[in-house]
Amino acid sequence: MVTVAAGLARSGLRPWVYSIAPFVYARPFEQIRNDLCLHRLPTVLVGNGGGYGYGVMGATHHAIEDYGTLLGLPHLKAFVPAFDEDVPEIANRLFQADHPCYLRLGLSERPADLEAPAYTAWRRLLTGDGWVIVVIGPLAGGIWDAVRHLQVPKRPTLSLLSELPVAEFPHAFLQDLARSERLLVLEEHVEQGGASQMIATGLLKQGLAPERFALKTAQGYVSGRYGSQTFHRRESELDPAAVVAFLEQEAC
């Protein structure tokens, strides 16, 4: 399927390749590398159920190392929408892209009574006096809903990141970080090759490392059991309750 898409792209078309996330990035990895990325062909790989999205179907159906794996290839960029409203905006960008792209889909978890800011690669969802949090993808919805109820001194400034690799840091984010000096990165992806490493490396290169840096990432299968996406997030301490507990404990 990926090789056929490469041929279609070579002929001037703009193919989209869709499957369950691990089947669109892991199984055809060599074809993605050789046929798409080495030739910079504008093809969109759409992976449904990023992270632990396929729950009880187990590790073979999970995608907790997907964008880290793909971003090691040349010319590829990853998009991770958090909310339903993000998808049409990202799709418009993907139709204009002149390189391979990976679109990681998940279930929108935006709180019903909150309206997300217009789509950009970086968005600030919440302002507070506590930690600066950067969260990637749909994980943001539940975290946003939980931390907004904290008192201002403990309430974080919450930023949402939807495009990888990290090309640059917005001025507003750097201002928030300079004020707080505390940064927490949350992602439903393993630490190796993840956004947390990209952000840390980017800040270090610019001499902007915060005083305190923490991350919560996908920990694989802590108990050796499979369950729902919520279950796996809880085991990795990526659930809202764990994040709130961290902020309460680390407040200073």
C-alpha atoms as a PDB file:
ATOM      1  CA  MET A   1       0.000   0.000   0.000  1.00  0.00           C
ATOM      2  CA  VAL A   2       2.804   2.439   0.884  1.00  0.00           C
ATOM      3  CA  THR A   3       4.747   1.574  -2.261  1.00  0.00           C
ATOM      4  CA  VAL A   4       1.645   2.071  -4.415  1.00  0.00           C
ATOM      5  CA  ALA A   5       1.111   5.429  -2.683  1.00  0.00           C
ATOM      6  CA  ALA A   6       4.709   6.369  -3.501  1.00  0.00           C
ATOM      7  CA  GLY A   7       4.068   5.621  -7.168  1.00  0.00           C
ATOM      8  CA  LEU A   8       0.902   7.709  -7.135  1.00  0.00           C
ATOM      9  CA  ALA A   9       2.763  10.590  -5.484  1.00  0.00           C
ATOM     10  CA  ARG A  10       5.529  10.279  -8.062  1.00  0.00           C
ATOM     11  CA  SER A  11       2.912  10.703 -10.796  1.00  0.00           C
ATOM     12  CA  GLY A  12       1.656  13.959  -9.278  1.00  0.00           C
ATOM     13  CA  LEU A  13      -1.200  12.756  -7.081  1.00  0.00           C
ATOM     14  CA  ARG A  14      -1.429  13.311  -3.303  1.00  0.00           C
ATOM     15  CA  PRO A  15      -2.240   9.909  -1.754  1.00  0.00           C
ATOM     16  CA  TRP A  16      -3.300   9.295   1.834  1.00  0.00           C
ATOM     17  CA  VAL A  17      -2.514   5.923   3.447  1.00  0.00           C
ATOM     18  CA  TYR A  18      -4.823   4.913   6.320  1.00  0.00           C
ATOM     19  CA  SER A  19      -4.712   2.085   8.841  1.00  0.00           C
ATOM     20  CA  ILE A  20      -4.540   1.288  12.540  1.00  0.00           C
ATOM     21  CA  ALA A  21      -1.483   3.224  13.701  1.00  0.00           C
ATOM     22  CA  PRO A  22       1.017   0.339  14.201  1.00  0.00           C
ATOM     23  CA  PHE A  23       0.107  -1.102  10.826  1.00  0.00           C
ATOM     24  CA  VAL A  24       0.780   2.187   9.047  1.00  0.00           C
ATOM     25  CA  TYR A  25       4.180   3.001  10.574  1.00  0.00           C
ATOM     26  CA  ALA A  26       5.753  -0.219  11.892  1.00  0.00           C
ATOM     27  CA  ARG A  27       4.907  -2.970   9.418  1.00  0.00           C
ATOM     28  CA  PRO A  28       5.808  -0.962   6.266  1.00  0.00           C
ATOM     29  CA  PHE A  29       8.714   0.961   7.840  1.00  0.00           C
ATOM     30  CA  GLU A  30      11.206   0.094   5.090  1.00  0.00           C
ATOM     31  CA  GLN A  31       8.787   1.204   2.370  1.00  0.00           C
ATOM     32  CA  ILE A  32       8.177   4.480   4.204  1.00  0.00           C
ATOM     33  CA  ARG A  33      11.916   5.046   4.480  1.00  0.00           C
ATOM     34  CA  ASN A  34      12.962   3.985   0.987  1.00  0.00           C
ATOM     35  CA  ASP A  35       9.932   4.855  -1.146  1.00  0.00           C
ATOM     36  CA  LEU A  36       8.556   7.968   0.529  1.00  0.00           C
ATOM     37  CA  CYS A  37      11.102   9.725   2.711  1.00  0.00           C
ATOM     38  CA  LEU A  38      14.294   9.279   0.700  1.00  0.00           C
ATOM     39  CA  HIS A  39      12.454  10.730  -2.318  1.00  0.00           C
ATOM     40  CA  ARG A  40      10.539  13.373  -0.333  1.00  0.00           C
ATOM     41  CA  LEU A  41       7.211  12.321  -1.805  1.00  0.00           C
ATOM     42  CA  PRO A  42       4.111  14.178  -0.537  1.00  0.00           C
ATOM     43  CA  THR A  43       2.159  11.294   0.972  1.00  0.00           C
ATOM     44  CA  VAL A  44       0.140  11.384   4.195  1.00  0.00           C
ATOM     45  CA  LEU A  45       0.294   8.393   6.535  1.00  0.00           C
ATOM     46  CA  VAL A  46      -2.805   8.359   8.741  1.00  0.00           C
ATOM     47  CA  GLY A  47      -2.526   6.231  11.885  1.00  0.00           C
ATOM     48  CA  ASN A  48      -5.718   5.746  13.891  1.00  0.00           C
ATOM     49  CA  GLY A  49      -5.584   5.013  17.626  1.00  0.00           C
ATOM     50  CA  GLY A  50      -2.267   6.624  18.542  1.00  0.00           C
ATOM     51  CA  GLY A  51      -0.762   5.762  21.907  1.00  0.00           C
ATOM     52  CA  TYR A  52      -2.856   3.226  23.826  1.00  0.00           C
ATOM     53  CA  GLY A  53      -5.942   3.990  21.736  1.00  0.00           C
ATOM     54  CA  TYR A  54      -6.761   0.358  20.939  1.00  0.00           C
ATOM     55  CA  GLY A  55      -6.763  -0.558  24.619  1.00  0.00           C
ATOM     56  CA  VAL A  56      -7.456  -4.205  25.370  1.00  0.00           C
ATOM     57  CA  MET A  57      -6.282  -5.325  21.923  1.00  0.00           C
ATOM     58  CA  GLY A  58      -2.820  -5.146  23.416  1.00  0.00           C
ATOM     59  CA  ALA A  59       0.709  -4.152  22.484  1.00  0.00           C
ATOM     60  CA  THR A  60       0.466  -5.302  18.874  1.00  0.00           C
ATOM     61  CA  HIS A  61      -2.269  -2.710  18.327  1.00  0.00           C
ATOM     62  CA  HIS A  62      -0.735   0.103  20.377  1.00  0.00           C
ATOM     63  CA  ALA A  63       1.424   2.885  18.957  1.00  0.00           C
ATOM     64  CA  ILE A  64       3.523   4.275  21.791  1.00  0.00           C
ATOM     65  CA  GLU A  65       6.711   4.763  19.783  1.00  0.00           C
ATOM     66  CA  ASP A  66       5.229   5.840  16.447  1.00  0.00           C
ATOM     67  CA  TYR A  67       6.214   9.465  15.863  1.00  0.00           C
ATOM     68  CA  GLY A  68       9.596   8.942  17.533  1.00  0.00           C
ATOM     69  CA  THR A  69      10.300   6.113  15.110  1.00  0.00           C
ATOM     70  CA  LEU A  70       9.139   7.994  12.012  1.00  0.00           C
ATOM     71  CA  LEU A  71      10.829  11.287  12.832  1.00  0.00           C
ATOM     72  CA  GLY A  72      14.188   9.563  12.507  1.00  0.00           C
ATOM     73  CA  LEU A  73      13.520   9.510   8.764  1.00  0.00           C
ATOM     74  CA  PRO A  74      14.344  12.432   6.459  1.00  0.00           C
ATOM     75  CA  HIS A  75      11.772  15.041   5.398  1.00  0.00           C
ATOM     76  CA  LEU A  76       8.902  13.643   7.500  1.00  0.00           C
ATOM     77  CA  LYS A  77       6.756  15.736   9.838  1.00  0.00           C
ATOM     78  CA  ALA A  78       4.193  14.496  12.365  1.00  0.00           C
ATOM     79  CA  PHE A  79       0.848  16.067  13.283  1.00  0.00           C
ATOM     80  CA  VAL A  80      -1.013  15.123  16.463  1.00  0.00           C
ATOM     81  CA  PRO A  81      -4.458  16.764  16.702  1.00  0.00           C
ATOM     82  CA  ALA A  82      -5.940  17.043  20.170  1.00  0.00           C
ATOM     83  CA  PHE A  83      -9.522  18.028  19.355  1.00  0.00           C
ATOM     84  CA  ASP A  84     -12.026  17.353  16.575  1.00  0.00           C
ATOM     85  CA  GLU A  85     -11.743  20.952  15.405  1.00  0.00           C
ATOM     86  CA  ASP A  86      -8.023  20.509  14.745  1.00  0.00           C
ATOM     87  CA  VAL A  87      -8.452  17.869  12.051  1.00  0.00           C
ATOM     88  CA  PRO A  88      -9.827  20.045   9.188  1.00  0.00           C
ATOM     89  CA  GLU A  89      -7.130  22.663   9.825  1.00  0.00           C
ATOM     90  CA  ILE A  90      -4.393  20.054   9.807  1.00  0.00           C
ATOM     91  CA  ALA A  91      -5.858  18.412   6.698  1.00  0.00           C
ATOM     92  CA  ASN A  92      -5.581  21.715   4.843  1.00  0.00           C
ATOM     93  CA  ARG A  93      -1.895  21.879   5.753  1.00  0.00           C
ATOM     94  CA  LEU A  94      -1.324  18.282   4.734  1.00  0.00           C
ATOM     95  CA  PHE A  95      -2.778  18.868   1.277  1.00  0.00           C
ATOM     96  CA  GLN A  96      -0.209  21.653   0.814  1.00  0.00           C
ATOM     97  CA  ALA A  97       2.801  19.781   2.203  1.00  0.00           C
ATOM     98  CA  ASP A  98       5.627  18.947  -0.202  1.00  0.00           C
ATOM     99  CA  HIS A  99       7.022  16.127   1.966  1.00  0.00           C
ATOM    100  CA  PRO A 100       5.807  12.964   3.745  1.00  0.00           C
ATOM    101  CA  CYS A 101       3.605  13.481   6.805  1.00  0.00           C
ATOM    102  CA  TYR A 102       2.268  11.338   9.612  1.00  0.00           C
ATOM    103  CA  LEU A 103      -1.151  12.149  11.071  1.00  0.00           C
ATOM    104  CA  ARG A 104      -1.705  10.504  14.462  1.00  0.00           C
ATOM    105  CA  LEU A 105      -5.406  10.285  15.285  1.00  0.00           C
ATOM    106  CA  GLY A 106      -7.027   9.720  18.660  1.00  0.00           C
ATOM    107  CA  LEU A 107     -10.269  10.383  20.489  1.00  0.00           C
ATOM    108  CA  SER A 108     -11.004  14.062  21.165  1.00  0.00           C
ATOM    109  CA  GLU A 109     -11.356  14.689  24.898  1.00  0.00           C
ATOM    110  CA  ARG A 110     -12.069  18.410  24.932  1.00  0.00           C
ATOM    111  CA  PRO A 111     -14.236  19.375  27.918  1.00  0.00           C
ATOM    112  CA  ALA A 112     -17.740  20.200  26.667  1.00  0.00           C
ATOM    113  CA  ASP A 113     -17.810  23.584  28.368  1.00  0.00           C
ATOM    114  CA  LEU A 114     -14.428  24.760  27.066  1.00  0.00           C
ATOM    115  CA  GLU A 115     -13.567  26.081  23.624  1.00  0.00           C
ATOM    116  CA  ALA A 116     -10.130  25.381  22.253  1.00  0.00           C
ATOM    117  CA  PRO A 117      -8.076  28.202  20.734  1.00  0.00           C
ATOM    118  CA  ALA A 118      -7.751  28.235  16.956  1.00  0.00           C
ATOM    119  CA  TYR A 119      -5.322  25.643  15.673  1.00  0.00           C
ATOM    120  CA  THR A 120      -1.602  26.384  15.611  1.00  0.00           C
ATOM    121  CA  ALA A 121       1.416  24.172  16.247  1.00  0.00           C
ATOM    122  CA  TRP A 122       1.619  25.594  19.802  1.00  0.00           C
ATOM    123  CA  ARG A 123      -1.404  26.790  21.801  1.00  0.00           C
ATOM    124  CA  ARG A 124      -1.794  28.025  25.344  1.00  0.00           C
ATOM    125  CA  LEU A 125      -4.905  26.466  26.906  1.00  0.00           C
ATOM    126  CA  LEU A 126      -4.598  27.749  30.461  1.00  0.00           C
ATOM    127  CA  THR A 127      -2.622  30.328  32.433  1.00  0.00           C
ATOM    128  CA  GLY A 128      -1.513  29.945  36.032  1.00  0.00           C
ATOM    129  CA  ASP A 129       1.326  30.689  38.425  1.00  0.00           C
ATOM    130  CA  GLY A 130       2.584  27.128  38.786  1.00  0.00           C
ATOM    131  CA  TRP A 131       4.475  24.770  36.507  1.00  0.00           C
ATOM    132  CA  VAL A 132       4.531  25.138  32.748  1.00  0.00           C
ATOM    133  CA  ILE A 133       3.068  21.992  31.195  1.00  0.00           C
ATOM    134  CA  VAL A 134       3.439  20.971  27.569  1.00  0.00           C
ATOM    135  CA  VAL A 135       1.098  18.177  26.502  1.00  0.00           C
ATOM    136  CA  ILE A 136       0.935  16.406  23.146  1.00  0.00           C
ATOM    137  CA  GLY A 137      -2.283  15.311  21.477  1.00  0.00           C
ATOM    138  CA  PRO A 138      -5.685  14.199  22.853  1.00  0.00           C
ATOM    139  CA  LEU A 139      -4.223  13.637  26.305  1.00  0.00           C
ATOM    140  CA  ALA A 140      -4.626  17.408  26.691  1.00  0.00           C
ATOM    141  CA  GLY A 141      -8.412  17.334  27.128  1.00  0.00           C
ATOM    142  CA  GLY A 142      -8.601  15.480  30.423  1.00  0.00           C
ATOM    143  CA  ILE A 143      -5.540  17.256  31.823  1.00  0.00           C
ATOM    144  CA  TRP A 144      -7.000  20.656  30.906  1.00  0.00           C
ATOM    145  CA  ASP A 145     -10.272  19.815  32.603  1.00  0.00           C
ATOM    146  CA  ALA A 146      -8.549  18.703  35.810  1.00  0.00           C
ATOM    147  CA  VAL A 147      -5.883  21.360  36.326  1.00  0.00           C
ATOM    148  CA  ARG A 148      -8.133  24.348  35.595  1.00  0.00           C
ATOM    149  CA  HIS A 149      -9.764  23.815  38.997  1.00  0.00           C
ATOM    150  CA  LEU A 150      -6.521  24.205  40.951  1.00  0.00           C
ATOM    151  CA  GLN A 151      -5.933  27.395  42.880  1.00  0.00           C
ATOM    152  CA  VAL A 152      -3.887  29.948  40.932  1.00  0.00           C
ATOM    153  CA  PRO A 153      -0.577  29.430  42.795  1.00  0.00           C
ATOM    154  CA  LYS A 154      -0.669  25.713  41.883  1.00  0.00           C
ATOM    155  CA  ARG A 155      -2.506  26.058  38.593  1.00  0.00           C
ATOM    156  CA  PRO A 156      -0.131  25.430  35.670  1.00  0.00           C
ATOM    157  CA  THR A 157       0.256  27.280  32.439  1.00  0.00           C
ATOM    158  CA  LEU A 158      -0.844  24.593  30.003  1.00  0.00           C
ATOM    159  CA  SER A 159       0.440  24.536  26.438  1.00  0.00           C
ATOM    160  CA  LEU A 160      -0.605  22.123  23.697  1.00  0.00           C
ATOM    161  CA  LEU A 161       1.906  20.991  21.077  1.00  0.00           C
ATOM    162  CA  SER A 162       0.545  19.404  17.883  1.00  0.00           C
ATOM    163  CA  GLU A 163       3.396  19.379  15.335  1.00  0.00           C
ATOM    164  CA  LEU A 164       6.721  17.537  15.480  1.00  0.00           C
ATOM    165  CA  PRO A 165       9.670  17.783  15.333  1.00  0.00           C
ATOM    166  CA  VAL A 166       9.924  20.945  17.406  1.00  0.00           C
ATOM    167  CA  ALA A 167      11.212  23.548  14.970  1.00  0.00           C
ATOM    168  CA  GLU A 168      11.138  26.564  17.272  1.00  0.00           C
ATOM    169  CA  PHE A 169       9.690  27.769  20.545  1.00  0.00           C
ATOM    170  CA  PRO A 170       7.046  30.499  20.552  1.00  0.00           C
ATOM    171  CA  HIS A 171       7.980  33.675  22.393  1.00  0.00           C
ATOM    172  CA  ALA A 172       4.982  33.305  24.713  1.00  0.00           C
ATOM    173  CA  PHE A 173       6.105  29.815  25.765  1.00  0.00           C
ATOM    174  CA  LEU A 174       9.637  31.033  26.510  1.00  0.00           C
ATOM    175  CA  GLN A 175       8.209  33.882  28.561  1.00  0.00           C
ATOM    176  CA  ASP A 176       6.075  31.442  30.560  1.00  0.00           C
ATOM    177  CA  LEU A 177       9.094  29.211  31.133  1.00  0.00           C
ATOM    178  CA  ALA A 178      11.318  32.102  32.223  1.00  0.00           C
ATOM    179  CA  ARG A 179       8.715  33.056  34.812  1.00  0.00           C
ATOM    180  CA  SER A 180       8.057  29.574  36.156  1.00  0.00           C
ATOM    181  CA  GLU A 181      11.465  27.877  35.742  1.00  0.00           C
ATOM    182  CA  ARG A 182       9.548  24.567  35.991  1.00  0.00           C
ATOM    183  CA  LEU A 183       8.608  22.458  32.974  1.00  0.00           C
ATOM    184  CA  LEU A 184       6.575  19.236  32.790  1.00  0.00           C
ATOM    185  CA  VAL A 185       6.078  17.425  29.455  1.00  0.00           C
ATOM    186  CA  LEU A 186       3.252  14.892  29.065  1.00  0.00           C
ATOM    187  CA  GLU A 187       2.924  12.523  26.109  1.00  0.00           C
ATOM    188  CA  GLU A 188       1.342   9.163  25.357  1.00  0.00           C
ATOM    189  CA  HIS A 189       4.590   8.005  23.776  1.00  0.00           C
ATOM    190  CA  VAL A 190       7.750   6.432  25.141  1.00  0.00           C
ATOM    191  CA  GLU A 191      10.464   8.775  26.356  1.00  0.00           C
ATOM    192  CA  GLN A 192      13.019   7.656  23.757  1.00  0.00           C
ATOM    193  CA  GLY A 193      12.541   9.756  20.628  1.00  0.00           C
ATOM    194  CA  GLY A 194       9.575  11.563  22.132  1.00  0.00           C
ATOM    195  CA  ALA A 195       8.613  15.210  22.286  1.00  0.00           C
ATOM    196  CA  SER A 196      10.057  15.546  25.785  1.00  0.00           C
ATOM    197  CA  GLN A 197      13.536  14.795  24.460  1.00  0.00           C
ATOM    198  CA  MET A 198      13.058  17.169  21.527  1.00  0.00           C
ATOM    199  CA  ILE A 199      11.959  19.986  23.823  1.00  0.00           C
ATOM    200  CA  ALA A 200      14.777  19.363  26.310  1.00  0.00           C
ATOM    201  CA  THR A 201      17.385  19.290  23.536  1.00  0.00           C
ATOM    202  CA  GLY A 202      16.021  22.441  21.924  1.00  0.00           C
ATOM    203  CA  LEU A 203      16.083  24.362  25.198  1.00  0.00           C
ATOM    204  CA  LEU A 204      19.590  23.166  26.056  1.00  0.00           C
ATOM    205  CA  LYS A 205      20.906  24.236  22.656  1.00  0.00           C
ATOM    206  CA  GLN A 206      19.618  27.745  23.324  1.00  0.00           C
ATOM    207  CA  GLY A 207      20.881  27.851  26.897  1.00  0.00           C
ATOM    208  CA  LEU A 208      17.313  28.024  28.195  1.00  0.00           C
ATOM    209  CA  ALA A 209      17.128  24.935  30.384  1.00  0.00           C
ATOM    210  CA  PRO A 210      14.602  25.430  33.215  1.00  0.00           C
ATOM    211  CA  GLU A 211      15.593  25.007  36.842  1.00  0.00           C
ATOM    212  CA  ARG A 212      13.339  21.966  37.105  1.00  0.00           C
ATOM    213  CA  PHE A 213      12.364  19.576  34.316  1.00  0.00           C
ATOM    214  CA  ALA A 214      10.018  16.590  34.595  1.00  0.00           C
ATOM    215  CA  LEU A 215       8.226  14.315  32.174  1.00  0.00           C
ATOM    216  CA  LYS A 216       5.511  11.700  32.163  1.00  0.00           C
ATOM    217  CA  THR A 217       5.546   9.315  29.223  1.00  0.00           C
ATOM    218  CA  ALA A 218       4.122   5.948  28.200  1.00  0.00           C
ATOM    219  CA  GLN A 219       5.710   3.291  30.426  1.00  0.00           C
ATOM    220  CA  GLY A 220       4.721   0.286  28.354  1.00  0.00           C
ATOM    221  CA  TYR A 221       3.028  -2.415  30.436  1.00  0.00           C
ATOM    222  CA  VAL A 222       3.799  -1.853  34.103  1.00  0.00           C
ATOM    223  CA  SER A 223       1.610  -4.660  35.472  1.00  0.00           C
ATOM    224  CA  GLY A 224       2.017  -6.949  32.464  1.00  0.00           C
ATOM    225  CA  ARG A 225      -1.713  -6.677  31.811  1.00  0.00           C
ATOM    226  CA  TYR A 226      -3.775  -5.084  29.059  1.00  0.00           C
ATOM    227  CA  GLY A 227      -6.748  -2.832  29.601  1.00  0.00           C
ATOM    228  CA  SER A 228      -8.467   0.253  28.297  1.00  0.00           C
ATOM    229  CA  GLN A 229      -6.616   3.360  27.201  1.00  0.00           C
ATOM    230  CA  THR A 230      -7.580   4.886  30.551  1.00  0.00           C
ATOM    231  CA  PHE A 231      -6.058   1.879  32.353  1.00  0.00           C
ATOM    232  CA  HIS A 232      -2.732   2.211  30.537  1.00  0.00           C
ATOM    233  CA  ARG A 233      -2.599   5.951  31.078  1.00  0.00           C
ATOM    234  CA  ARG A 234      -3.190   5.385  34.774  1.00  0.00           C
ATOM    235  CA  GLU A 235      -0.348   2.851  34.948  1.00  0.00           C
ATOM    236  CA  SER A 236       1.950   5.387  33.271  1.00  0.00           C
ATOM    237  CA  GLU A 237       0.753   8.205  35.571  1.00  0.00           C
ATOM    238  CA  LEU A 238      -0.567  10.089  32.560  1.00  0.00           C
ATOM    239  CA  ASP A 239      -4.105  10.330  33.920  1.00  0.00           C
ATOM    240  CA  PRO A 240      -5.480  13.650  35.233  1.00  0.00           C
ATOM    241  CA  ALA A 241      -5.431  12.502  38.863  1.00  0.00           C
ATOM    242  CA  ALA A 242      -1.717  11.659  38.685  1.00  0.00           C
ATOM    243  CA  VAL A 243      -0.898  15.007  37.074  1.00  0.00           C
ATOM    244  CA  VAL A 244      -2.861  16.924  39.708  1.00  0.00           C
ATOM    245  CA  ALA A 245      -1.126  14.914  42.455  1.00  0.00           C
ATOM    246  CA  PHE A 246       2.252  15.789  40.953  1.00  0.00           C
ATOM    247  CA  LEU A 247       1.415  19.485  40.855  1.00  0.00           C
ATOM    248  CA  GLU A 248       0.141  19.416  44.421  1.00  0.00           C
ATOM    249  CA  GLN A 249       3.255  17.638  45.657  1.00  0.00           C
ATOM    250  CA  GLU A 250       5.771  19.680  43.672  1.00  0.00           C
ATOM    251  CA  ALA A 251       4.211  23.104  44.238  1.00  0.00           C
ATOM    252  CA  CYS A 252       6.692  25.625  45.566  1.00  0.00           C
END
